[in-house]
Each structure stands twice: as structure tokens, then as C-alpha cells.
Amino acid sequence: MTLKIIATGGTFDKHYDELTGKLWFSDSHLPEVLKRARITLPVTLEANKLMDSLDMVDADRQEILQSCLNGSEKAIVIIHGTDTMRETAEVLGAAKLDKAIVFTGAMIPYEIANSDALFNLGFACGVAQVLPAGVYVAMNGQVFAWDNVQKNRTAGVFVTNPE
């Protein structure tokens, strides 16, 4: 099995300027993160546009869908901003691909102390290999179906939709 990881940006991949306190995008952290995580599974890494998910439009989501369609990998992890992760997952969910597609991200950028990025990526890579075809969100040790998840902005975590 080969795992495909698609980097789209989000907080996970933001860089931090200690002098100005600003966050921005440069190169993806993923090559370093994968090396640090010591993932031994073959990985195809694709850097899509690195952007804040609040800036995503329908065309960006269609590019992500096309990235999922391209290639033979049956397990895909998408690094995505948490603010509109659910909206992009909906586009992929509607496509009903015969692949396990797992969205993950971070509340704190990878290069900042106490970031959840490394754990979330490792968790997402693990569950992508064992989940049946479908679209999921894997954050903070939990897996959610794409159509039963929302971001709790107050708590800074993902939860199932309230009944």
C-alpha cells in the first residue's frame, strides 16, 4: 500500500515569525514532519496550493478532488485548514470515491511548541490505512464521518454534530 498525502496549507503548514508575530506560508513542513514521524509506509506527497482555508473557493476544492482522483492510492490524507475542512470534505464526500480520504490539520502550527500537528498527521495516516472507502475527519484522536462533524471554536476541537 502507498499512502498519498496532499498538503493544502492551513494552520498546520504556517510558518511563524518570532519578531513580528505573523504567520505565513512558505514551503510545506511535511517533508520534515514525515521524516520526524518515521513513517515507513511508502508515501506520495503532493503540495497543492498552501493557503488559509478561509480563502478557499470552489475551484480550489475541485483541484483537491482532482488530486484525489489522480493516482491509484486507496488511502489519502489531506492536510487542510480547520475552518473550512468540513466544506471541502463535503465536496469529496459527494464524489463517492472508492478511497479512504482522511482530512486532518492543526489548531497550532507545526513549528510552534505544543502543536497538535505531528500527532494529528500520524493518527490520520494510521486510520487512513484501515478505514473503508469514504471521507473522514481525524483530529485529536477521534475519527468523524465528513457529514457528522463540526468545529467547536470555543473548545478548539472537532465534535459530532448535535442531534
N, C-alpha and C. Protein backbone atom coordinates (compact mmCIF):
# COMPACT_ATOMS: atom_id res chain seq x y z
N MET A 1 0.84 -1.19 0.00
CA MET A 1 0.00 0.00 0.00
C MET A 1 0.88 1.24 0.00
N THR A 2 0.46 2.21 -0.78
CA THR A 2 1.09 3.53 -0.78
C THR A 2 0.07 4.52 -0.27
N LEU A 3 0.50 5.42 0.57
CA LEU A 3 -0.35 6.46 1.13
C LEU A 3 -0.08 7.76 0.38
N LYS A 4 -1.14 8.45 0.00
CA LYS A 4 -0.99 9.76 -0.63
C LYS A 4 -1.32 10.82 0.42
N ILE A 5 -0.45 11.81 0.54
CA ILE A 5 -0.70 12.93 1.43
C ILE A 5 -0.73 14.19 0.59
N ILE A 6 -1.82 14.93 0.72
CA ILE A 6 -2.00 16.17 -0.03
C ILE A 6 -1.95 17.33 0.96
N ALA A 7 -1.00 18.22 0.76
CA ALA A 7 -0.87 19.40 1.62
C ALA A 7 -1.60 20.56 0.97
N THR A 8 -2.55 21.15 1.69
CA THR A 8 -3.27 22.31 1.16
C THR A 8 -3.02 23.56 1.99
N GLY A 9 -2.26 23.42 3.07
CA GLY A 9 -1.96 24.59 3.90
C GLY A 9 -2.62 24.50 5.25
N GLY A 10 -3.35 25.54 5.59
CA GLY A 10 -3.98 25.59 6.91
C GLY A 10 -2.95 25.92 7.98
N THR A 11 -3.42 26.00 9.19
CA THR A 11 -2.55 26.31 10.33
C THR A 11 -1.39 25.34 10.42
N PHE A 12 -1.62 24.07 10.09
CA PHE A 12 -0.58 23.04 10.13
C PHE A 12 0.71 23.52 9.48
N ASP A 13 0.60 24.10 8.30
CA ASP A 13 1.77 24.44 7.49
C ASP A 13 2.20 25.90 7.57
N LYS A 14 1.62 26.65 8.47
CA LYS A 14 2.02 28.05 8.57
C LYS A 14 3.37 28.17 9.28
N HIS A 15 4.13 29.15 8.84
CA HIS A 15 5.41 29.48 9.48
C HIS A 15 5.17 30.68 10.39
N TYR A 16 5.98 30.75 11.45
CA TYR A 16 5.81 31.80 12.45
C TYR A 16 7.04 32.69 12.49
N ASP A 17 6.83 33.99 12.38
CA ASP A 17 7.92 34.97 12.50
C ASP A 17 7.92 35.47 13.94
N GLU A 18 8.94 35.07 14.68
CA GLU A 18 9.01 35.43 16.10
C GLU A 18 9.16 36.93 16.32
N LEU A 19 9.72 37.64 15.36
CA LEU A 19 9.93 39.08 15.52
C LEU A 19 8.65 39.88 15.31
N THR A 20 7.84 39.45 14.33
CA THR A 20 6.62 40.21 14.04
C THR A 20 5.37 39.55 14.60
N GLY A 21 5.48 38.28 14.97
CA GLY A 21 4.32 37.55 15.46
C GLY A 21 3.35 37.15 14.36
N LYS A 22 3.78 37.25 13.11
CA LYS A 22 2.90 36.94 11.99
C LYS A 22 3.08 35.50 11.51
N LEU A 23 2.01 34.95 10.97
CA LEU A 23 2.02 33.62 10.37
C LEU A 23 1.91 33.77 8.85
N TRP A 24 2.62 32.92 8.11
CA TRP A 24 2.57 32.96 6.65
C TRP A 24 2.92 31.58 6.11
N PHE A 25 2.75 31.44 4.78
CA PHE A 25 3.09 30.19 4.11
C PHE A 25 4.39 30.35 3.35
N SER A 26 5.18 29.29 3.39
CA SER A 26 6.40 29.18 2.61
C SER A 26 6.38 27.76 2.08
N ASP A 27 7.43 27.00 2.27
CA ASP A 27 7.43 25.59 1.89
C ASP A 27 6.65 24.80 2.93
N SER A 28 6.12 23.67 2.52
CA SER A 28 5.40 22.80 3.43
C SER A 28 6.35 22.19 4.46
N HIS A 29 5.86 22.02 5.66
CA HIS A 29 6.61 21.34 6.71
C HIS A 29 6.59 19.82 6.54
N LEU A 30 5.76 19.32 5.64
CA LEU A 30 5.52 17.88 5.58
C LEU A 30 6.76 17.01 5.34
N PRO A 31 7.69 17.37 4.47
CA PRO A 31 8.88 16.51 4.36
C PRO A 31 9.58 16.33 5.72
N GLU A 32 9.73 17.40 6.47
CA GLU A 32 10.35 17.32 7.80
C GLU A 32 9.47 16.52 8.76
N VAL A 33 8.18 16.74 8.72
CA VAL A 33 7.26 16.04 9.62
C VAL A 33 7.28 14.54 9.34
N LEU A 34 7.26 14.16 8.07
CA LEU A 34 7.28 12.74 7.73
C LEU A 34 8.58 12.08 8.18
N LYS A 35 9.68 12.78 8.03
CA LYS A 35 10.96 12.25 8.48
C LYS A 35 10.95 12.08 10.00
N ARG A 36 10.46 13.09 10.70
CA ARG A 36 10.39 13.04 12.16
C ARG A 36 9.45 11.95 12.66
N ALA A 37 8.34 11.74 11.95
CA ALA A 37 7.36 10.73 12.34
C ALA A 37 7.85 9.31 12.04
N ARG A 38 8.88 9.20 11.20
CA ARG A 38 9.46 7.90 10.84
C ARG A 38 8.43 6.96 10.23
N ILE A 39 7.59 7.50 9.38
CA ILE A 39 6.60 6.69 8.69
C ILE A 39 7.33 5.81 7.68
N THR A 40 7.13 4.51 7.78
CA THR A 40 7.85 3.58 6.91
C THR A 40 7.04 3.16 5.70
N LEU A 41 5.78 3.46 5.69
CA LEU A 41 4.91 3.19 4.55
C LEU A 41 5.32 4.08 3.39
N PRO A 42 5.33 3.56 2.15
CA PRO A 42 5.62 4.45 1.02
C PRO A 42 4.58 5.57 0.94
N VAL A 43 5.06 6.81 0.76
CA VAL A 43 4.19 7.98 0.74
C VAL A 43 4.42 8.77 -0.54
N THR A 44 3.32 9.14 -1.18
CA THR A 44 3.34 10.09 -2.28
C THR A 44 2.91 11.42 -1.69
N LEU A 45 3.78 12.40 -1.72
CA LEU A 45 3.48 13.71 -1.14
C LEU A 45 3.20 14.70 -2.25
N GLU A 46 2.07 15.37 -2.15
CA GLU A 46 1.69 16.36 -3.15
C GLU A 46 1.35 17.67 -2.45
N ALA A 47 2.04 18.72 -2.82
CA ALA A 47 1.73 20.04 -2.28
C ALA A 47 0.77 20.72 -3.22
N ASN A 48 -0.47 20.86 -2.79
CA ASN A 48 -1.47 21.62 -3.52
C ASN A 48 -1.17 23.07 -3.17
N LYS A 49 -2.06 23.97 -3.43
CA LYS A 49 -1.83 25.35 -3.01
C LYS A 49 -1.77 25.39 -1.49
N LEU A 50 -0.76 26.03 -0.94
CA LEU A 50 -0.71 26.22 0.50
C LEU A 50 -1.45 27.52 0.80
N MET A 51 -2.59 27.39 1.47
CA MET A 51 -3.41 28.57 1.71
C MET A 51 -4.22 28.41 2.99
N ASP A 52 -4.69 29.52 3.50
CA ASP A 52 -5.61 29.51 4.61
C ASP A 52 -6.94 29.01 4.08
N SER A 53 -7.57 28.09 4.78
CA SER A 53 -8.81 27.52 4.26
C SER A 53 -9.93 28.55 4.17
N LEU A 54 -9.84 29.63 4.91
CA LEU A 54 -10.85 30.68 4.80
C LEU A 54 -10.80 31.37 3.44
N ASP A 55 -9.66 31.25 2.75
CA ASP A 55 -9.50 31.85 1.43
C ASP A 55 -9.88 30.90 0.29
N MET A 56 -10.23 29.65 0.61
CA MET A 56 -10.57 28.67 -0.42
C MET A 56 -11.88 29.00 -1.09
N VAL A 57 -11.92 28.72 -2.39
CA VAL A 57 -13.14 28.88 -3.17
C VAL A 57 -13.45 27.52 -3.83
N ASP A 58 -14.58 27.44 -4.50
CA ASP A 58 -14.99 26.17 -5.11
C ASP A 58 -13.94 25.60 -6.05
N ALA A 59 -13.26 26.45 -6.81
CA ALA A 59 -12.24 25.96 -7.74
C ALA A 59 -11.09 25.27 -6.99
N ASP A 60 -10.73 25.78 -5.82
CA ASP A 60 -9.68 25.15 -5.01
C ASP A 60 -10.13 23.77 -4.55
N ARG A 61 -11.38 23.66 -4.16
CA ARG A 61 -11.92 22.37 -3.70
C ARG A 61 -11.97 21.37 -4.86
N GLN A 62 -12.25 21.86 -6.05
CA GLN A 62 -12.27 20.98 -7.22
C GLN A 62 -10.86 20.48 -7.53
N GLU A 63 -9.85 21.31 -7.32
CA GLU A 63 -8.45 20.88 -7.52
C GLU A 63 -8.09 19.78 -6.53
N ILE A 64 -8.55 19.91 -5.31
CA ILE A 64 -8.29 18.87 -4.29
C ILE A 64 -8.98 17.58 -4.70
N LEU A 65 -10.22 17.68 -5.16
CA LEU A 65 -10.93 16.50 -5.66
C LEU A 65 -10.15 15.85 -6.80
N GLN A 66 -9.66 16.65 -7.74
CA GLN A 66 -8.90 16.12 -8.86
C GLN A 66 -7.63 15.43 -8.38
N SER A 67 -6.98 15.98 -7.36
CA SER A 67 -5.79 15.35 -6.79
C SER A 67 -6.12 13.98 -6.22
N CYS A 68 -7.30 13.86 -5.63
CA CYS A 68 -7.73 12.57 -5.08
C CYS A 68 -8.03 11.57 -6.20
N LEU A 69 -8.58 12.05 -7.30
CA LEU A 69 -8.89 11.19 -8.44
C LEU A 69 -7.62 10.71 -9.14
N ASN A 70 -6.60 11.56 -9.19
CA ASN A 70 -5.34 11.22 -9.84
C ASN A 70 -4.58 10.22 -8.97
N GLY A 71 -4.05 9.23 -9.57
CA GLY A 71 -3.24 8.25 -8.83
C GLY A 71 -4.07 7.06 -8.40
N SER A 72 -3.37 6.00 -8.07
CA SER A 72 -4.03 4.74 -7.72
C SER A 72 -4.14 4.52 -6.21
N GLU A 73 -3.63 5.43 -5.41
CA GLU A 73 -3.66 5.25 -3.96
C GLU A 73 -5.09 5.13 -3.45
N LYS A 74 -5.30 4.16 -2.58
CA LYS A 74 -6.62 3.94 -1.98
C LYS A 74 -6.75 4.60 -0.62
N ALA A 75 -5.63 5.07 -0.08
CA ALA A 75 -5.63 5.77 1.22
C ALA A 75 -5.01 7.15 1.00
N ILE A 76 -5.77 8.19 1.37
CA ILE A 76 -5.33 9.57 1.15
C ILE A 76 -5.54 10.37 2.43
N VAL A 77 -4.53 11.14 2.79
CA VAL A 77 -4.63 12.08 3.91
C VAL A 77 -4.51 13.48 3.33
N ILE A 78 -5.42 14.35 3.73
CA ILE A 78 -5.40 15.72 3.26
C ILE A 78 -5.16 16.64 4.46
N ILE A 79 -4.05 17.38 4.41
CA ILE A 79 -3.76 18.38 5.42
C ILE A 79 -4.52 19.64 5.00
N HIS A 80 -5.38 20.12 5.87
CA HIS A 80 -6.32 21.17 5.49
C HIS A 80 -6.54 22.10 6.67
N GLY A 81 -6.83 23.34 6.39
CA GLY A 81 -7.21 24.27 7.44
C GLY A 81 -8.49 23.83 8.12
N THR A 82 -8.57 24.04 9.42
CA THR A 82 -9.71 23.54 10.18
C THR A 82 -10.98 24.37 10.00
N ASP A 83 -10.86 25.62 9.58
CA ASP A 83 -12.04 26.47 9.49
C ASP A 83 -13.03 26.03 8.42
N THR A 84 -12.54 25.51 7.30
CA THR A 84 -13.46 25.08 6.23
C THR A 84 -13.20 23.64 5.80
N MET A 85 -12.61 22.87 6.69
CA MET A 85 -12.35 21.45 6.41
C MET A 85 -13.65 20.73 6.05
N ARG A 86 -14.68 21.01 6.78
CA ARG A 86 -15.98 20.35 6.57
C ARG A 86 -16.52 20.65 5.16
N GLU A 87 -16.36 21.87 4.67
CA GLU A 87 -16.86 22.23 3.34
C GLU A 87 -16.14 21.47 2.24
N THR A 88 -14.81 21.34 2.37
CA THR A 88 -14.06 20.58 1.37
C THR A 88 -14.37 19.10 1.46
N ALA A 89 -14.53 18.60 2.68
CA ALA A 89 -14.89 17.19 2.86
C ALA A 89 -16.24 16.89 2.21
N GLU A 90 -17.14 17.84 2.25
CA GLU A 90 -18.45 17.66 1.62
C GLU A 90 -18.33 17.47 0.11
N VAL A 91 -17.45 18.23 -0.53
CA VAL A 91 -17.23 18.09 -1.97
C VAL A 91 -16.71 16.69 -2.29
N LEU A 92 -15.76 16.21 -1.51
CA LEU A 92 -15.20 14.88 -1.75
C LEU A 92 -16.20 13.80 -1.38
N GLY A 93 -16.96 14.01 -0.32
CA GLY A 93 -17.97 13.03 0.07
C GLY A 93 -19.02 12.85 -1.01
N ALA A 94 -19.43 13.93 -1.63
CA ALA A 94 -20.44 13.87 -2.70
C ALA A 94 -19.92 13.12 -3.92
N ALA A 95 -18.59 13.10 -4.11
CA ALA A 95 -18.00 12.42 -5.27
C ALA A 95 -18.01 10.90 -5.12
N LYS A 96 -18.18 10.41 -3.88
CA LYS A 96 -18.26 8.97 -3.61
C LYS A 96 -17.11 8.18 -4.26
N LEU A 97 -15.89 8.60 -3.96
CA LEU A 97 -14.71 7.91 -4.49
C LEU A 97 -14.51 6.59 -3.76
N ASP A 98 -13.90 5.65 -4.43
CA ASP A 98 -13.62 4.35 -3.82
C ASP A 98 -12.25 4.39 -3.13
N LYS A 99 -12.12 5.35 -2.22
CA LYS A 99 -10.86 5.55 -1.49
C LYS A 99 -11.19 6.00 -0.08
N ALA A 100 -10.31 5.71 0.85
CA ALA A 100 -10.43 6.25 2.20
C ALA A 100 -9.69 7.58 2.21
N ILE A 101 -10.44 8.65 2.40
CA ILE A 101 -9.89 10.00 2.38
C ILE A 101 -10.06 10.59 3.78
N VAL A 102 -8.95 10.96 4.39
CA VAL A 102 -8.97 11.43 5.76
C VAL A 102 -8.41 12.85 5.82
N PHE A 103 -9.23 13.77 6.29
CA PHE A 103 -8.80 15.14 6.50
C PHE A 103 -8.23 15.28 7.89
N THR A 104 -7.16 16.07 8.00
CA THR A 104 -6.62 16.42 9.31
C THR A 104 -5.97 17.79 9.20
N GLY A 105 -5.60 18.33 10.32
CA GLY A 105 -4.98 19.65 10.35
C GLY A 105 -4.41 19.90 11.74
N ALA A 106 -4.34 21.15 12.10
CA ALA A 106 -3.80 21.51 13.41
C ALA A 106 -4.43 22.80 13.90
N MET A 107 -4.55 22.90 15.19
CA MET A 107 -5.02 24.14 15.81
C MET A 107 -3.84 25.07 16.09
N ILE A 108 -2.64 24.47 16.21
CA ILE A 108 -1.41 25.22 16.47
C ILE A 108 -0.40 24.83 15.38
N PRO A 109 0.25 25.79 14.71
CA PRO A 109 1.20 25.46 13.64
C PRO A 109 2.27 24.46 14.09
N TYR A 110 2.70 23.61 13.17
CA TYR A 110 3.69 22.57 13.44
C TYR A 110 4.93 23.10 14.15
N GLU A 111 5.44 24.24 13.74
CA GLU A 111 6.72 24.70 14.28
C GLU A 111 6.60 25.42 15.62
N ILE A 112 5.41 25.50 16.17
CA ILE A 112 5.22 26.14 17.48
C ILE A 112 5.10 25.06 18.55
N ALA A 113 5.70 25.31 19.71
CA ALA A 113 5.67 24.35 20.81
C ALA A 113 4.24 23.93 21.13
N ASN A 114 4.08 22.69 21.50
CA ASN A 114 2.80 22.09 21.88
C ASN A 114 1.80 22.00 20.73
N SER A 115 2.29 22.00 19.50
CA SER A 115 1.42 21.84 18.34
C SER A 115 0.81 20.44 18.33
N ASP A 116 -0.39 20.36 17.85
CA ASP A 116 -1.06 19.07 17.67
C ASP A 116 -0.83 18.50 16.27
N ALA A 117 -0.04 19.17 15.45
CA ALA A 117 0.14 18.78 14.05
C ALA A 117 0.75 17.39 13.88
N LEU A 118 1.83 17.09 14.57
CA LEU A 118 2.52 15.81 14.40
C LEU A 118 1.61 14.66 14.81
N PHE A 119 0.96 14.79 15.95
CA PHE A 119 0.06 13.72 16.40
C PHE A 119 -1.09 13.54 15.41
N ASN A 120 -1.72 14.64 15.00
CA ASN A 120 -2.87 14.53 14.10
C ASN A 120 -2.48 13.87 12.78
N LEU A 121 -1.31 14.22 12.24
CA LEU A 121 -0.87 13.61 10.99
C LEU A 121 -0.64 12.11 11.18
N GLY A 122 0.08 11.73 12.22
CA GLY A 122 0.34 10.31 12.46
C GLY A 122 -0.94 9.52 12.64
N PHE A 123 -1.86 10.09 13.40
CA PHE A 123 -3.15 9.44 13.62
C PHE A 123 -3.90 9.28 12.30
N ALA A 124 -3.95 10.35 11.51
CA ALA A 124 -4.66 10.31 10.22
C ALA A 124 -4.03 9.28 9.28
N CYS A 125 -2.70 9.21 9.25
CA CYS A 125 -2.02 8.24 8.39
C CYS A 125 -2.36 6.81 8.81
N GLY A 126 -2.45 6.59 10.09
CA GLY A 126 -2.80 5.25 10.59
C GLY A 126 -4.21 4.86 10.24
N VAL A 127 -5.17 5.73 10.52
CA VAL A 127 -6.57 5.35 10.28
C VAL A 127 -6.90 5.29 8.79
N ALA A 128 -6.21 6.07 7.97
CA ALA A 128 -6.47 6.04 6.52
C ALA A 128 -6.20 4.65 5.94
N GLN A 129 -5.31 3.90 6.57
CA GLN A 129 -4.97 2.57 6.08
C GLN A 129 -6.00 1.51 6.44
N VAL A 130 -6.84 1.77 7.42
CA VAL A 130 -7.77 0.74 7.88
C VAL A 130 -9.24 1.09 7.71
N LEU A 131 -9.55 2.34 7.41
CA LEU A 131 -10.95 2.73 7.23
C LEU A 131 -11.47 2.27 5.87
N PRO A 132 -12.76 1.95 5.80
CA PRO A 132 -13.34 1.65 4.49
C PRO A 132 -13.42 2.91 3.64
N ALA A 133 -13.66 2.74 2.36
CA ALA A 133 -13.79 3.88 1.46
C ALA A 133 -14.81 4.86 2.02
N GLY A 134 -14.47 6.13 1.94
CA GLY A 134 -15.34 7.18 2.45
C GLY A 134 -14.50 8.40 2.77
N VAL A 135 -15.14 9.43 3.30
CA VAL A 135 -14.45 10.67 3.64
C VAL A 135 -14.62 10.92 5.13
N TYR A 136 -13.51 11.21 5.80
CA TYR A 136 -13.48 11.32 7.25
C TYR A 136 -12.68 12.56 7.68
N VAL A 137 -12.88 12.94 8.93
CA VAL A 137 -12.06 13.95 9.59
C VAL A 137 -11.43 13.26 10.79
N ALA A 138 -10.10 13.34 10.90
CA ALA A 138 -9.38 12.74 12.03
C ALA A 138 -8.62 13.85 12.75
N MET A 139 -9.11 14.19 13.93
CA MET A 139 -8.50 15.26 14.72
C MET A 139 -8.49 14.86 16.19
N ASN A 140 -7.37 15.11 16.84
CA ASN A 140 -7.25 14.95 18.28
C ASN A 140 -7.67 13.57 18.77
N GLY A 141 -7.29 12.54 18.00
CA GLY A 141 -7.53 11.17 18.43
C GLY A 141 -8.93 10.64 18.15
N GLN A 142 -9.72 11.38 17.40
CA GLN A 142 -11.06 10.91 17.05
C GLN A 142 -11.25 10.93 15.54
N VAL A 143 -12.09 10.03 15.06
CA VAL A 143 -12.44 9.96 13.65
C VAL A 143 -13.93 10.27 13.52
N PHE A 144 -14.25 11.15 12.59
CA PHE A 144 -15.63 11.56 12.35
C PHE A 144 -15.97 11.34 10.88
N ALA A 145 -17.22 10.97 10.61
CA ALA A 145 -17.70 10.95 9.24
C ALA A 145 -17.80 12.40 8.77
N TRP A 146 -17.51 12.65 7.51
CA TRP A 146 -17.49 14.02 6.98
C TRP A 146 -18.82 14.74 7.19
N ASP A 147 -19.92 14.00 7.20
CA ASP A 147 -21.23 14.63 7.31
C ASP A 147 -21.78 14.64 8.74
N ASN A 148 -20.92 14.32 9.70
CA ASN A 148 -21.34 14.35 11.10
C ASN A 148 -20.23 14.94 11.97
N VAL A 149 -19.74 16.10 11.56
CA VAL A 149 -18.65 16.73 12.30
C VAL A 149 -18.76 18.24 12.20
N GLN A 150 -18.32 18.90 13.23
CA GLN A 150 -18.23 20.35 13.20
C GLN A 150 -17.10 20.79 14.12
N LYS A 151 -16.57 21.95 13.85
CA LYS A 151 -15.51 22.51 14.68
C LYS A 151 -16.16 23.29 15.82
N ASN A 152 -15.79 22.95 17.04
CA ASN A 152 -16.22 23.70 18.21
C ASN A 152 -15.16 24.77 18.43
N ARG A 153 -15.44 25.97 17.99
CA ARG A 153 -14.45 27.05 18.04
C ARG A 153 -14.12 27.47 19.47
N THR A 154 -15.06 27.33 20.36
CA THR A 154 -14.81 27.71 21.76
C THR A 154 -13.81 26.77 22.41
N ALA A 155 -13.99 25.46 22.19
CA ALA A 155 -13.11 24.46 22.79
C ALA A 155 -11.87 24.18 21.95
N GLY A 156 -11.90 24.57 20.66
CA GLY A 156 -10.76 24.31 19.78
C GLY A 156 -10.60 22.84 19.41
N VAL A 157 -11.74 22.12 19.28
CA VAL A 157 -11.72 20.71 18.93
C VAL A 157 -12.86 20.43 17.96
N PHE A 158 -12.82 19.26 17.33
CA PHE A 158 -13.92 18.82 16.48
C PHE A 158 -14.83 17.92 17.29
N VAL A 159 -16.12 18.01 17.00
CA VAL A 159 -17.13 17.22 17.70
C VAL A 159 -18.16 16.73 16.68
N THR A 160 -18.94 15.73 17.08
CA THR A 160 -20.03 15.31 16.21
C THR A 160 -21.10 16.38 16.22
N ASN A 161 -21.88 16.41 15.16
CA ASN A 161 -22.97 17.38 15.08
C ASN A 161 -23.97 17.11 16.20
N PRO A 162 -24.49 18.15 16.82
CA PRO A 162 -25.50 17.91 17.87
C PRO A 162 -26.77 17.35 17.23
N GLU A 163 -27.41 16.46 17.95
CA GLU A 163 -28.65 15.84 17.46
C GLU A 163 -29.80 16.80 17.50
